[in-house]
Amino acid sequence: MIRSVLIELRIASSAGLLLKTIGLKVTSIKIDPYMNVDAGTMSPMEHGEVFVLDDGGETDLDLGNYERYLDINLTRDNNITTGKIYQHVIEKERKGDYLGKTVQVVPHLTDALQAWIERVARMPVDDTKEEPDVCIVELGGTVGDIESAPFIEAMRQLRRRVGKDNFLQIHVTLVPVLGEQKTKPTQQSIKDVGRAGLVPDLIACRCEEPLHKGTIEKIAMFCDVATEHVLGVHNVLTTYHVPVLLKEQGLVDTLRDLLKLDVIPRPKELISKGQRTWKEWTHLTTQQENKRQDIVKIVLVGKYIKLHDSYLSVVKSLEHSAMRCGKKLDLSWIDASHLEEPTRAENPAEFHTAWHGICTADGILVPGGFGQRGTEGMMAAAKYARENKVPYLGICLGMQIAVIEYARNICGLLNAGSVELDGETCPEKLVIFMPEVSKTHLGGTMRLGLRPTLFQEGSEWSRLRKLYGEKKEISERHRHRYEVNPEYIELLAAAGLTFIGKDDKGERMEIMELKDHPWYVAVQFHPEYLSRVLQPSKPYLGFVAAAAECLDRITADILEQENRALFNGVNGVNGVNGLRI
């Protein structure tokens, strides 16, 4: 059976986490009503980051939030877009699957949507390798948007077909404060979704402040729901407090009652694991309220800093790591172009402010990106971190930047550059285009998805390798078109730049690390895509720990955990069949 809950991101992921804490297996689906087949070609300045999955799917950033909260690994099929579902239906029509019928939005598109949801909802996504018990569906957009209409109709049909015990809708709405808490927008949005045939079971109200009792009663009366089915989600210290807020309002018991969750068998192992997860979660969120907590100051030197969602997974990975280290994250955003010499002449205030941020940072991070803008500023930041022994982490472009900077200033290759940044006429091509990647088609043509990295012989000294538990091989997610030129590896190694990790063929450079530096690490992959709230990404954790001067303690803790896991023979937990959405 399938149950459906249509929820906004933070509430959806929080609800999923709460269900996992009672021993249920949870998956999720995000529906985006834009025409793009996927998010791969969308501007990070407009849409935010592109999140990459194990299978190479380039998806909406919200799927990253589900993976981080629920500790699951989703697939490209867990993200449905208008472009993707129309493409699916048109391909079926071209193959003759509709037997000469006139193909229409109703019933063909809506039927295809329902079939897609039911199929994906049953796909295993966690270490149990078994069918989930609950699937959470987030339908993006706004009620009344023309592009959302087919999806709302499909949800209406699905609800009617599977029955009320297998489908639950949470409607998310805004309660603005204009002198007082206003309920009219909520009333109107409930009427609009009701006209489309979907009547919410629960109403989650976003508000700057806690909902007043009178506001809750007014919404319940005019929207025809019980008062206990009106949830208030006010602004909290961090998004990690939202699950705690919802649990305090009885969301777990409400979902248990409305979806008849108690009829689903739950193994004791999963119940115990859920209880441990909740204990760790509340501990981490509680310690953030400690005003006396030490601060670790990180600067992010990027291209797209005007929209912070462009680096959402990077920021979340830093938060996860800071919480694990018991520190409070102080993140500063620096436009890489402000570090460059032209800015000194054009806007000296921006130049000096940017460099003040660099010079006072505990750690310097250069993330991924595309194009030439700001790359000289990134190289200046990498050079400062290298020369002044400031912890540095380079991601994707950040690794290529570090390599070029080293080649110029240590190896004497003054014309070192990148084909991406300087074109084919670049005299010293330290970074080149990967030969198998398309130069004409952009969507889905990069090196994408989960791929192995092998630590090289003689890299046992590596600080990063120790954080991975001394493993010989790791797997991380990739998204890039360019790579370090293999022709220069011997020259760089002779000058002290060591590539401690390479791909399974030994051809692609995956990890570089400087031996005589507290933490100077750069990786070609994107470790932020696999960071979890309770299991921070190792490159980010090491970077933040080095910046906070607690790397030795964190490394010792991880090695102890690894040894304990090996001793206990930890394996996946057996689950059960069944499904709710």
Protein backbone atom coordinates (compact mmCIF):
# COMPACT_ATOMS: atom_id res chain seq x y z
CA MET A 1 0.00 0.00 0.00
CA ILE A 2 1.07 3.61 -0.55
CA ARG A 3 0.52 6.65 1.70
CA SER A 4 1.21 10.15 0.45
CA VAL A 5 2.32 13.23 2.36
CA LEU A 6 2.88 16.42 0.38
CA ILE A 7 5.23 18.60 2.43
CA GLU A 8 7.70 21.49 2.27
CA LEU A 9 11.39 20.53 2.46
CA ARG A 10 12.32 21.12 6.10
CA ILE A 11 9.06 19.70 7.38
CA ALA A 12 9.21 16.74 5.01
CA SER A 13 12.75 15.74 5.97
CA SER A 14 11.99 16.30 9.64
CA ALA A 15 8.87 14.12 9.44
CA GLY A 16 10.90 11.41 7.73
CA LEU A 17 13.56 11.55 10.44
CA LEU A 18 10.91 11.23 13.18
CA LEU A 19 9.44 8.18 11.45
CA LYS A 20 12.90 6.59 11.29
CA THR A 21 13.36 7.14 15.02
CA ILE A 22 10.45 4.77 15.70
CA GLY A 23 11.99 2.02 13.56
CA LEU A 24 10.42 2.60 10.14
CA LYS A 25 12.25 2.53 6.81
CA VAL A 26 11.68 5.79 4.93
CA THR A 27 12.27 6.98 1.38
CA SER A 28 11.38 10.21 -0.42
CA ILE A 29 10.44 11.66 -3.79
CA LYS A 30 10.76 15.32 -4.85
CA ILE A 31 8.50 16.65 -7.62
CA ASP A 32 9.65 19.84 -9.37
CA PRO A 33 7.22 21.34 -11.89
CA TYR A 34 9.85 22.93 -14.17
CA MET A 35 10.40 21.86 -17.78
CA ASN A 36 14.09 20.94 -17.38
CA VAL A 37 14.65 17.21 -17.53
CA ASP A 38 17.02 17.59 -14.58
CA ALA A 39 18.85 20.36 -12.73
CA GLY A 40 22.19 19.77 -14.46
CA THR A 41 22.14 22.80 -16.76
CA MET A 42 20.46 25.24 -14.35
CA SER A 43 22.36 28.26 -13.04
CA PRO A 44 23.45 27.97 -9.41
CA MET A 45 22.78 31.71 -9.06
CA GLU A 46 19.11 31.14 -9.93
CA HIS A 47 18.31 27.65 -8.67
CA GLY A 48 20.99 26.87 -6.10
CA GLU A 49 23.38 23.95 -6.24
CA VAL A 50 22.98 20.85 -8.38
CA PHE A 51 22.95 17.79 -6.13
CA VAL A 52 24.55 14.63 -7.56
CA LEU A 53 23.46 11.11 -6.58
CA ASP A 54 25.26 7.76 -6.65
CA ASP A 55 23.90 6.94 -10.10
CA GLY A 56 25.05 10.28 -11.51
CA GLY A 57 21.62 11.89 -11.42
CA GLU A 58 21.84 15.70 -11.33
CA THR A 59 18.89 16.71 -9.20
CA ASP A 60 17.24 19.41 -7.15
CA LEU A 61 19.17 20.38 -4.03
CA ASP A 62 16.29 19.19 -1.81
CA LEU A 63 17.26 15.56 -2.42
CA GLY A 64 20.48 16.31 -0.62
CA ASN A 65 18.51 17.40 2.41
CA TYR A 66 16.58 14.10 2.43
CA GLU A 67 19.77 12.08 2.16
CA ARG A 68 21.43 14.07 4.95
CA TYR A 69 18.49 13.83 7.37
CA LEU A 70 17.39 10.26 6.59
CA ASP A 71 20.82 8.71 5.91
CA ILE A 72 19.63 7.16 2.66
CA ASN A 73 20.96 6.99 -0.92
CA LEU A 74 18.42 8.04 -3.53
CA THR A 75 18.42 7.67 -7.33
CA ARG A 76 17.70 10.00 -10.23
CA ASP A 77 14.18 8.56 -10.35
CA ASN A 78 13.49 10.03 -6.90
CA ASN A 79 13.40 13.45 -8.57
CA ILE A 80 10.48 13.96 -10.97
CA THR A 81 10.34 17.07 -13.16
CA THR A 82 7.78 18.19 -15.72
CA GLY A 83 10.39 17.70 -18.44
CA LYS A 84 11.24 14.20 -17.22
CA ILE A 85 7.67 12.92 -16.96
CA TYR A 86 6.62 14.43 -20.32
CA GLN A 87 9.71 12.90 -21.92
CA HIS A 88 8.74 9.54 -20.38
CA VAL A 89 5.18 9.71 -21.77
CA ILE A 90 6.31 10.90 -25.21
CA GLU A 91 8.86 8.07 -25.45
CA LYS A 92 6.09 5.58 -24.65
CA GLU A 93 3.88 7.15 -27.31
CA ARG A 94 6.69 6.93 -29.90
CA LYS A 95 7.11 3.24 -29.13
CA GLY A 96 3.40 2.66 -29.65
CA ASP A 97 2.61 1.81 -26.04
CA TYR A 98 -0.67 3.69 -26.15
CA LEU A 99 -1.97 1.66 -29.13
CA GLY A 100 -3.06 4.59 -31.27
CA LYS A 101 -4.93 6.46 -28.53
CA THR A 102 -4.95 10.24 -28.28
CA VAL A 103 -2.40 10.86 -25.53
CA GLN A 104 -3.59 13.42 -22.99
CA VAL A 105 -2.57 14.90 -19.65
CA VAL A 106 -5.49 13.02 -18.10
CA PRO A 107 -5.33 10.05 -17.92
CA HIS A 108 -2.00 9.23 -19.56
CA LEU A 109 0.31 11.72 -17.86
CA THR A 110 -1.40 11.44 -14.47
CA ASP A 111 -1.36 7.65 -14.68
CA ALA A 112 2.35 7.72 -15.56
CA LEU A 113 3.02 9.92 -12.53
CA GLN A 114 1.20 7.56 -10.19
CA ALA A 115 2.98 4.53 -11.61
CA TRP A 116 6.33 6.31 -11.29
CA ILE A 117 5.69 7.19 -7.63
CA GLU A 118 4.54 3.67 -6.72
CA ARG A 119 7.54 2.10 -8.45
CA VAL A 120 10.16 4.39 -6.91
CA ALA A 121 8.53 4.30 -3.46
CA ARG A 122 9.30 0.58 -3.26
CA MET A 123 13.00 0.87 -4.16
CA PRO A 124 15.43 0.11 -1.29
CA VAL A 125 17.41 3.18 -0.26
CA ASP A 126 19.15 2.25 3.01
CA ASP A 127 21.53 -0.39 4.33
CA THR A 128 18.69 -2.85 5.01
CA LYS A 129 18.38 -3.29 1.21
CA GLU A 130 14.65 -3.80 1.74
CA GLU A 131 11.45 -2.11 0.62
CA PRO A 132 10.66 1.08 2.57
CA ASP A 133 7.68 1.33 4.91
CA VAL A 134 6.95 5.00 4.22
CA CYS A 135 7.52 7.27 1.23
CA ILE A 136 7.42 11.04 1.66
CA VAL A 137 6.55 13.00 -1.47
CA GLU A 138 7.34 16.69 -1.67
CA LEU A 139 5.42 18.54 -4.37
CA GLY A 140 7.21 21.81 -5.06
CA GLY A 141 5.71 25.00 -6.39
CA THR A 142 2.73 27.02 -5.25
CA VAL A 143 -0.96 26.13 -5.26
CA GLY A 144 -2.51 27.74 -8.33
CA ASP A 145 0.61 27.59 -10.50
CA ILE A 146 -0.42 26.23 -13.91
CA GLU A 147 2.60 23.91 -14.12
CA SER A 148 1.64 22.17 -10.86
CA ALA A 149 -1.89 21.25 -11.99
CA PRO A 150 -1.10 17.79 -13.51
CA PHE A 151 0.81 16.77 -10.39
CA ILE A 152 -1.96 17.86 -8.03
CA GLU A 153 -4.49 15.95 -10.13
CA ALA A 154 -2.27 12.86 -10.06
CA MET A 155 -2.06 13.11 -6.26
CA ARG A 156 -5.84 13.46 -6.03
CA GLN A 157 -6.32 10.31 -8.07
CA LEU A 158 -3.68 8.45 -6.07
CA ARG A 159 -5.32 9.38 -2.80
CA ARG A 160 -8.72 8.20 -4.02
CA ARG A 161 -7.32 4.94 -5.31
CA VAL A 162 -5.17 3.85 -2.35
CA GLY A 163 -7.49 5.02 0.43
CA LYS A 164 -7.17 7.36 3.40
CA ASP A 165 -5.11 4.97 5.55
CA ASN A 166 -2.41 4.88 2.90
CA PHE A 167 -2.22 8.56 1.95
CA LEU A 168 -1.76 11.63 4.12
CA GLN A 169 -1.32 15.23 3.03
CA ILE A 170 0.44 17.95 4.99
CA HIS A 171 -0.17 21.36 3.50
CA VAL A 172 2.54 23.94 4.19
CA THR A 173 1.53 27.57 4.36
CA LEU A 174 2.85 30.92 5.55
CA VAL A 175 1.41 32.85 8.47
CA PRO A 176 2.83 36.38 8.09
CA VAL A 177 3.11 38.75 11.03
CA LEU A 178 1.77 42.20 10.16
CA GLY A 179 1.17 43.60 13.59
CA GLU A 180 -0.59 40.32 14.32
CA GLN A 181 -0.50 36.78 12.92
CA LYS A 182 -2.54 36.78 9.71
CA THR A 183 -4.48 33.63 8.76
CA LYS A 184 -6.11 34.79 5.51
CA PRO A 185 -3.26 33.52 3.25
CA THR A 186 -3.59 30.09 4.88
CA GLN A 187 -7.35 30.05 4.48
CA GLN A 188 -7.06 31.02 0.82
CA SER A 189 -4.40 28.43 -0.02
CA ILE A 190 -6.47 25.69 1.65
CA LYS A 191 -9.47 26.72 -0.46
CA ASP A 192 -7.36 26.67 -3.61
CA VAL A 193 -5.95 23.20 -3.01
CA GLY A 194 -9.43 22.00 -1.99
CA ARG A 195 -10.84 23.11 -5.35
CA ALA A 196 -8.21 20.89 -6.96
CA GLY A 197 -9.55 17.93 -4.97
CA LEU A 198 -6.91 17.66 -2.26
CA VAL A 199 -8.08 18.21 1.31
CA PRO A 200 -5.16 18.48 3.77
CA ASP A 201 -5.02 16.19 6.79
CA LEU A 202 -2.50 18.42 8.57
CA ILE A 203 -1.57 22.08 8.13
CA ALA A 204 2.01 23.14 8.86
CA CYS A 205 2.25 26.89 9.38
CA ARG A 206 5.55 28.68 8.81
CA CYS A 207 5.85 31.74 10.99
CA GLU A 208 8.54 34.02 12.39
CA GLU A 209 7.28 33.41 15.91
CA PRO A 210 5.39 30.60 17.72
CA LEU A 211 1.73 30.39 16.71
CA HIS A 212 -0.69 31.88 19.23
CA LYS A 213 -3.45 29.65 20.57
CA GLY A 214 -6.04 31.90 18.96
CA THR A 215 -4.29 31.67 15.59
CA ILE A 216 -4.29 27.85 15.75
CA GLU A 217 -7.97 27.74 16.66
CA LYS A 218 -8.87 30.17 13.87
CA ILE A 219 -6.99 28.15 11.23
CA ALA A 220 -8.52 24.90 12.50
CA MET A 221 -12.05 26.31 12.35
CA PHE A 222 -11.89 27.97 8.94
CA CYS A 223 -9.85 25.16 7.33
CA ASP A 224 -11.92 22.35 8.87
CA VAL A 225 -9.19 20.43 10.68
CA ALA A 226 -8.71 19.51 14.33
CA THR A 227 -6.67 21.97 16.37
CA GLU A 228 -4.04 19.28 17.07
CA HIS A 229 -3.63 18.94 13.31
CA VAL A 230 -2.38 22.52 12.98
CA LEU A 231 1.42 22.54 13.40
CA GLY A 232 3.45 25.64 14.06
CA VAL A 233 6.94 25.81 12.58
CA HIS A 234 8.46 29.05 13.77
CA ASN A 235 12.00 30.30 13.26
CA VAL A 236 14.50 28.35 15.34
CA LEU A 237 18.26 28.56 15.93
CA THR A 238 19.04 26.07 13.13
CA THR A 239 17.06 23.80 10.82
CA TYR A 240 18.25 20.85 12.92
CA HIS A 241 15.82 22.01 15.63
CA VAL A 242 12.76 21.55 13.37
CA PRO A 243 12.39 17.77 14.09
CA VAL A 244 12.49 18.53 17.82
CA LEU A 245 9.85 21.23 17.38
CA LEU A 246 7.55 18.91 15.44
CA LYS A 247 7.96 16.05 17.90
CA GLU A 248 7.02 18.35 20.77
CA GLN A 249 3.73 19.05 18.94
CA GLY A 250 2.92 15.34 18.69
CA LEU A 251 3.60 14.80 14.98
CA VAL A 252 4.85 11.23 15.53
CA ASP A 253 1.67 10.17 17.33
CA THR A 254 -0.50 11.95 14.76
CA LEU A 255 1.19 10.18 11.84
CA ARG A 256 1.06 6.89 13.71
CA ASP A 257 -2.69 7.31 14.18
CA LEU A 258 -3.69 8.64 10.74
CA LEU A 259 -1.56 6.17 8.76
CA LYS A 260 -2.14 3.18 11.05
CA LEU A 261 1.63 2.78 11.38
CA ASP A 262 1.42 0.41 14.34
CA VAL A 263 0.25 -2.40 12.03
CA ILE A 264 3.70 -2.39 10.37
CA PRO A 265 6.10 -4.87 12.02
CA ARG A 266 9.28 -3.14 13.17
CA PRO A 267 12.39 -5.16 14.06
CA LYS A 268 13.88 -4.44 17.47
CA GLU A 269 17.19 -3.61 15.79
CA LEU A 270 15.63 -0.77 13.79
CA ILE A 271 13.75 0.54 16.82
CA SER A 272 16.97 0.57 18.84
CA LYS A 273 18.84 2.24 15.99
CA GLY A 274 16.12 4.89 15.73
CA GLN A 275 16.32 5.60 19.45
CA ARG A 276 20.11 5.99 19.24
CA THR A 277 19.75 8.29 16.26
CA TRP A 278 17.30 10.53 18.12
CA LYS A 279 19.53 10.64 21.20
CA GLU A 280 22.52 11.72 19.10
CA TRP A 281 20.41 14.21 17.13
CA THR A 282 19.05 15.95 20.22
CA HIS A 283 22.52 16.00 21.78
CA LEU A 284 23.98 17.77 18.75
CA THR A 285 21.16 20.28 18.47
CA THR A 286 21.23 21.00 22.21
CA GLN A 287 24.95 21.71 22.28
CA GLN A 288 24.43 24.37 19.59
CA GLU A 289 22.51 26.39 22.17
CA ASN A 290 25.63 26.66 24.32
CA LYS A 291 26.67 30.30 23.96
CA ARG A 292 30.06 29.57 25.51
CA GLN A 293 30.97 27.08 22.78
CA ASP A 294 34.27 27.76 21.00
CA ILE A 295 34.03 29.21 17.50
CA VAL A 296 35.81 27.93 14.40
CA LYS A 297 36.08 30.60 11.70
CA ILE A 298 35.94 29.31 8.11
CA VAL A 299 36.02 31.43 4.94
CA LEU A 300 34.45 30.15 1.74
CA VAL A 301 36.12 31.65 -1.33
CA GLY A 302 33.63 31.15 -4.16
CA LYS A 303 32.05 32.41 -7.35
CA TYR A 304 28.34 32.29 -6.54
CA ILE A 305 28.23 33.68 -3.01
CA LYS A 306 25.27 36.04 -3.62
CA LEU A 307 23.00 32.99 -3.39
CA HIS A 308 24.21 30.84 -0.51
CA ASP A 309 22.12 27.88 -1.72
CA SER A 310 24.66 27.61 -4.56
CA TYR A 311 26.91 25.92 -2.00
CA LEU A 312 24.21 24.37 0.19
CA SER A 313 25.81 20.93 0.59
CA VAL A 314 29.18 22.54 1.30
CA VAL A 315 27.65 24.63 4.08
CA LYS A 316 25.81 21.65 5.53
CA SER A 317 29.00 19.58 5.51
CA LEU A 318 30.78 22.33 7.43
CA GLU A 319 27.90 22.43 9.93
CA HIS A 320 27.97 18.66 10.38
CA SER A 321 31.72 18.76 10.97
CA ALA A 322 31.59 21.69 13.40
CA MET A 323 28.90 19.92 15.45
CA ARG A 324 30.99 16.74 15.48
CA CYS A 325 33.97 18.75 16.76
CA GLY A 326 31.82 20.42 19.41
CA LYS A 327 32.42 23.87 17.88
CA LYS A 328 30.23 26.70 16.66
CA LEU A 329 30.68 27.45 12.95
CA ASP A 330 31.42 31.05 11.96
CA LEU A 331 31.23 31.01 8.16
CA SER A 332 32.31 34.02 6.11
CA TRP A 333 31.61 34.38 2.38
CA ILE A 334 34.28 35.90 0.15
CA ASP A 335 33.79 36.67 -3.53
CA ALA A 336 36.97 35.27 -5.10
CA SER A 337 37.23 38.19 -7.54
CA HIS A 338 37.55 40.59 -4.59
CA LEU A 339 40.95 39.06 -3.79
CA GLU A 340 42.37 39.99 -7.19
CA GLU A 341 44.57 42.98 -8.01
CA PRO A 342 42.04 44.75 -10.30
CA THR A 343 39.68 45.03 -7.33
CA ARG A 344 42.40 46.80 -5.31
CA ALA A 345 42.35 49.62 -7.89
CA GLU A 346 38.61 49.63 -8.62
CA ASN A 347 37.26 49.07 -5.11
CA PRO A 348 39.97 49.06 -2.43
CA ALA A 349 37.41 48.60 0.38
CA GLU A 350 36.19 45.29 -1.10
CA PHE A 351 39.78 44.17 -1.64
CA HIS A 352 40.93 44.88 1.90
CA THR A 353 37.75 43.47 3.47
CA ALA A 354 38.20 40.23 1.52
CA TRP A 355 41.85 39.90 2.49
CA HIS A 356 41.09 40.69 6.10
CA GLY A 357 38.72 37.70 6.04
CA ILE A 358 41.46 35.48 4.61
CA CYS A 359 44.09 36.64 7.09
CA THR A 360 41.87 36.13 10.15
CA ALA A 361 40.41 32.74 9.15
CA ASP A 362 41.04 29.46 10.94
CA GLY A 363 40.48 27.61 7.66
CA ILE A 364 40.15 28.45 3.94
CA LEU A 365 37.80 26.55 1.62
CA VAL A 366 37.72 26.82 -2.17
CA PRO A 367 34.70 24.90 -3.56
CA GLY A 368 33.73 23.81 -7.06
CA GLY A 369 32.66 26.08 -9.88
CA PHE A 370 32.86 26.71 -13.61
CA GLY A 371 34.51 29.41 -15.74
CA GLN A 372 37.40 31.82 -15.35
CA ARG A 373 35.89 34.54 -13.16
CA GLY A 374 37.51 34.77 -9.75
CA THR A 375 40.03 31.96 -10.28
CA GLU A 376 43.08 34.19 -9.78
CA GLY A 377 41.59 35.21 -6.43
CA MET A 378 41.11 31.56 -5.55
CA MET A 379 44.76 30.89 -6.38
CA ALA A 380 45.81 33.78 -4.16
CA ALA A 381 43.78 32.30 -1.30
CA ALA A 382 45.30 28.84 -1.87
CA LYS A 383 48.79 30.33 -1.92
CA TYR A 384 48.17 32.19 1.34
CA ALA A 385 46.90 29.01 3.03
CA ARG A 386 49.89 27.00 1.79
CA GLU A 387 52.54 29.52 2.78
CA ASN A 388 51.02 30.45 6.15
CA LYS A 389 50.11 26.91 7.25
CA VAL A 390 46.39 27.72 7.39
CA PRO A 391 44.17 24.61 6.94
CA TYR A 392 42.96 24.45 3.34
CA LEU A 393 40.35 22.34 1.58
CA GLY A 394 39.90 22.45 -2.19
CA ILE A 395 36.91 20.80 -3.86
CA CYS A 396 36.90 19.97 -7.61
CA LEU A 397 37.89 23.35 -9.09
CA GLY A 398 39.47 24.06 -5.70
CA MET A 399 41.85 21.14 -6.28
CA GLN A 400 42.71 22.26 -9.82
CA ILE A 401 43.37 25.77 -8.49
CA ALA A 402 45.73 24.40 -5.82
CA VAL A 403 47.63 22.37 -8.43
CA ILE A 404 48.05 25.34 -10.78
CA GLU A 405 49.17 27.60 -7.92
CA TYR A 406 51.76 25.03 -6.81
CA ALA A 407 53.03 24.57 -10.35
CA ARG A 408 53.50 28.32 -10.81
CA ASN A 409 55.08 29.18 -7.48
CA ILE A 410 56.97 26.01 -6.51
CA CYS A 411 57.70 24.21 -9.80
CA GLY A 412 58.54 27.40 -11.69
CA LEU A 413 55.93 26.85 -14.41
CA LEU A 414 54.94 30.51 -14.60
CA ASN A 415 52.51 29.92 -17.47
CA ALA A 416 50.75 27.00 -15.82
CA GLY A 417 47.01 27.11 -16.39
CA SER A 418 43.86 25.25 -17.36
CA VAL A 419 42.21 24.57 -20.69
CA GLU A 420 38.91 25.57 -19.09
CA LEU A 421 40.25 28.90 -17.82
CA ASP A 422 42.87 29.82 -20.42
CA GLY A 423 41.81 27.96 -23.56
CA GLU A 424 43.70 25.51 -25.76
CA THR A 425 46.48 28.05 -26.32
CA CYS A 426 47.56 27.76 -22.68
CA PRO A 427 51.36 27.06 -22.77
CA GLU A 428 51.42 24.78 -19.72
CA LYS A 429 48.17 22.79 -19.55
CA LEU A 430 48.11 21.59 -15.94
CA VAL A 431 44.36 20.94 -16.20
CA ILE A 432 42.86 19.42 -19.34
CA PHE A 433 39.49 18.39 -20.76
CA MET A 434 38.67 14.74 -20.13
CA PRO A 435 38.76 12.99 -23.52
CA GLU A 436 35.51 11.01 -23.11
CA VAL A 437 33.35 14.01 -22.12
CA SER A 438 31.19 15.76 -24.74
CA LYS A 439 32.22 19.30 -25.71
CA THR A 440 28.90 20.06 -27.42
CA HIS A 441 26.18 18.62 -25.14
CA LEU A 442 26.04 19.92 -21.58
CA GLY A 443 23.19 18.04 -19.88
CA GLY A 444 24.34 14.91 -18.06
CA THR A 445 27.65 14.66 -19.94
CA MET A 446 30.16 15.27 -17.15
CA ARG A 447 31.94 12.60 -15.15
CA LEU A 448 29.13 11.97 -12.69
CA GLY A 449 28.17 9.79 -9.77
CA LEU A 450 29.79 7.41 -7.30
CA ARG A 451 33.29 6.29 -8.34
CA PRO A 452 36.17 4.56 -6.52
CA THR A 453 39.35 6.23 -5.32
CA LEU A 454 42.37 4.14 -4.33
CA PHE A 455 44.90 5.38 -1.79
CA GLN A 456 48.40 4.99 -3.21
CA GLU A 457 51.30 3.08 -1.70
CA GLY A 458 53.33 5.20 0.65
CA SER A 459 50.36 7.37 1.65
CA GLU A 460 50.00 5.86 5.12
CA TRP A 461 51.16 9.20 6.59
CA SER A 462 48.09 10.96 5.14
CA ARG A 463 45.90 12.72 7.69
CA LEU A 464 42.89 12.29 5.41
CA ARG A 465 43.48 8.56 4.94
CA LYS A 466 43.50 8.06 8.71
CA LEU A 467 40.06 9.71 8.90
CA TYR A 468 38.77 7.17 6.39
CA GLY A 469 39.84 4.45 8.85
CA GLU A 470 43.03 3.50 6.98
CA LYS A 471 40.95 2.12 4.10
CA LYS A 472 42.70 1.32 0.86
CA GLU A 473 39.69 2.26 -1.27
CA ILE A 474 36.86 4.75 -0.86
CA SER A 475 33.91 5.79 -3.03
CA GLU A 476 32.80 9.39 -3.50
CA ARG A 477 30.53 11.28 -5.89
CA HIS A 478 31.92 13.25 -8.84
CA ARG A 479 30.81 16.11 -11.09
CA HIS A 480 33.49 17.51 -13.40
CA ARG A 481 34.66 17.84 -17.01
CA TYR A 482 38.33 18.68 -16.41
CA GLU A 483 41.17 16.81 -14.73
CA VAL A 484 44.79 17.28 -13.71
CA ASN A 485 47.06 16.53 -16.67
CA PRO A 486 48.84 13.17 -16.03
CA GLU A 487 51.89 14.42 -17.95
CA TYR A 488 52.83 16.74 -15.07
CA ILE A 489 52.39 14.31 -12.16
CA GLU A 490 56.06 13.31 -11.85
CA LEU A 491 57.20 16.93 -11.93
CA LEU A 492 54.68 17.94 -9.25
CA ALA A 493 55.52 14.93 -7.06
CA ALA A 494 59.24 15.68 -7.27
CA ALA A 495 58.47 19.17 -5.97
CA GLY A 496 56.49 17.83 -3.01
CA LEU A 497 52.90 17.83 -4.22
CA THR A 498 51.68 14.29 -3.57
CA PHE A 499 48.60 12.72 -5.16
CA ILE A 500 47.75 10.20 -2.47
CA GLY A 501 44.53 9.05 -4.19
CA LYS A 502 43.89 8.04 -7.80
CA ASP A 503 41.05 6.38 -9.69
CA ASP A 504 40.86 2.59 -10.08
CA LYS A 505 42.91 2.76 -13.28
CA GLY A 506 45.58 4.96 -11.76
CA GLU A 507 45.04 7.57 -14.48
CA ARG A 508 43.04 10.31 -12.76
CA MET A 509 44.22 12.34 -9.82
CA GLU A 510 41.61 12.24 -7.05
CA ILE A 511 43.29 13.46 -3.84
CA MET A 512 46.31 15.70 -3.23
CA GLU A 513 47.81 16.42 0.18
CA LEU A 514 50.89 18.27 1.38
CA LYS A 515 52.90 16.37 3.95
CA ASP A 516 54.52 19.31 5.76
CA HIS A 517 51.28 21.21 6.37
CA PRO A 518 48.70 21.00 9.21
CA TRP A 519 45.96 20.33 6.62
CA TYR A 520 46.36 21.12 2.93
CA VAL A 521 44.02 18.71 1.17
CA ALA A 522 42.22 18.97 -2.15
CA VAL A 523 39.96 16.44 -3.85
CA GLN A 524 38.58 16.14 -7.37
CA PHE A 525 35.31 14.63 -6.13
CA HIS A 526 32.54 16.35 -4.14
CA PRO A 527 32.57 14.81 -0.64
CA GLU A 528 29.77 17.15 0.48
CA TYR A 529 27.26 15.01 -1.43
CA LEU A 530 27.78 12.14 1.03
CA SER A 531 27.96 14.10 4.26
CA ARG A 532 25.30 13.25 6.85
CA VAL A 533 24.21 15.11 9.96
CA LEU A 534 25.47 12.33 12.23
CA GLN A 535 28.22 11.12 9.87
CA PRO A 536 30.17 14.12 8.53
CA SER A 537 32.19 13.89 5.33
CA LYS A 538 35.77 12.93 6.15
CA PRO A 539 37.53 15.67 4.09
CA TYR A 540 35.29 18.33 5.64
CA LEU A 541 35.60 16.86 9.12
CA GLY A 542 39.39 16.81 8.90
CA PHE A 543 39.45 20.36 7.55
CA VAL A 544 37.22 21.77 10.31
CA ALA A 545 39.01 19.73 12.99
CA ALA A 546 42.39 21.05 11.81
CA ALA A 547 41.02 24.59 11.80
CA ALA A 548 39.66 24.05 15.32
CA GLU A 549 42.94 22.44 16.45
CA CYS A 550 41.31 19.16 17.46
CA LEU A 551 42.30 16.94 14.52
CA ASP A 552 44.28 14.44 16.63
CA ARG A 553 41.30 13.89 18.96
CA ILE A 554 38.83 13.45 16.12
CA THR A 555 41.18 11.07 14.28
CA ALA A 556 41.66 8.97 17.41
CA ASP A 557 37.88 8.82 17.96
CA ILE A 558 37.26 7.66 14.40
CA LEU A 559 39.95 4.98 14.48
CA GLU A 560 38.52 3.73 17.78
CA GLN A 561 35.03 3.55 16.23
CA GLU A 562 36.39 1.68 13.20
CA ASN A 563 38.17 -0.84 15.41
CA ARG A 564 35.06 -1.30 17.55
CA ALA A 565 32.92 -1.88 14.45
CA LEU A 566 35.33 -4.49 13.12
CA PHE A 567 35.45 -6.21 16.49
CA ASN A 568 31.65 -6.33 16.80
CA GLY A 569 31.18 -7.42 13.18
CA VAL A 570 28.57 -4.77 12.46
CA ASN A 571 26.29 -5.68 9.52
CA GLY A 572 23.10 -4.33 7.99
CA VAL A 573 19.87 -4.76 9.95
CA ASN A 574 17.13 -6.97 8.60
CA GLY A 575 13.89 -5.12 7.83
CA VAL A 576 10.33 -5.93 6.84
CA ASN A 577 8.06 -5.43 3.87
CA GLY A 578 5.22 -2.93 3.61
CA LEU A 579 4.88 0.66 2.47
CA ARG A 580 3.30 4.00 3.32
CA ILE A 581 3.64 7.37 1.57
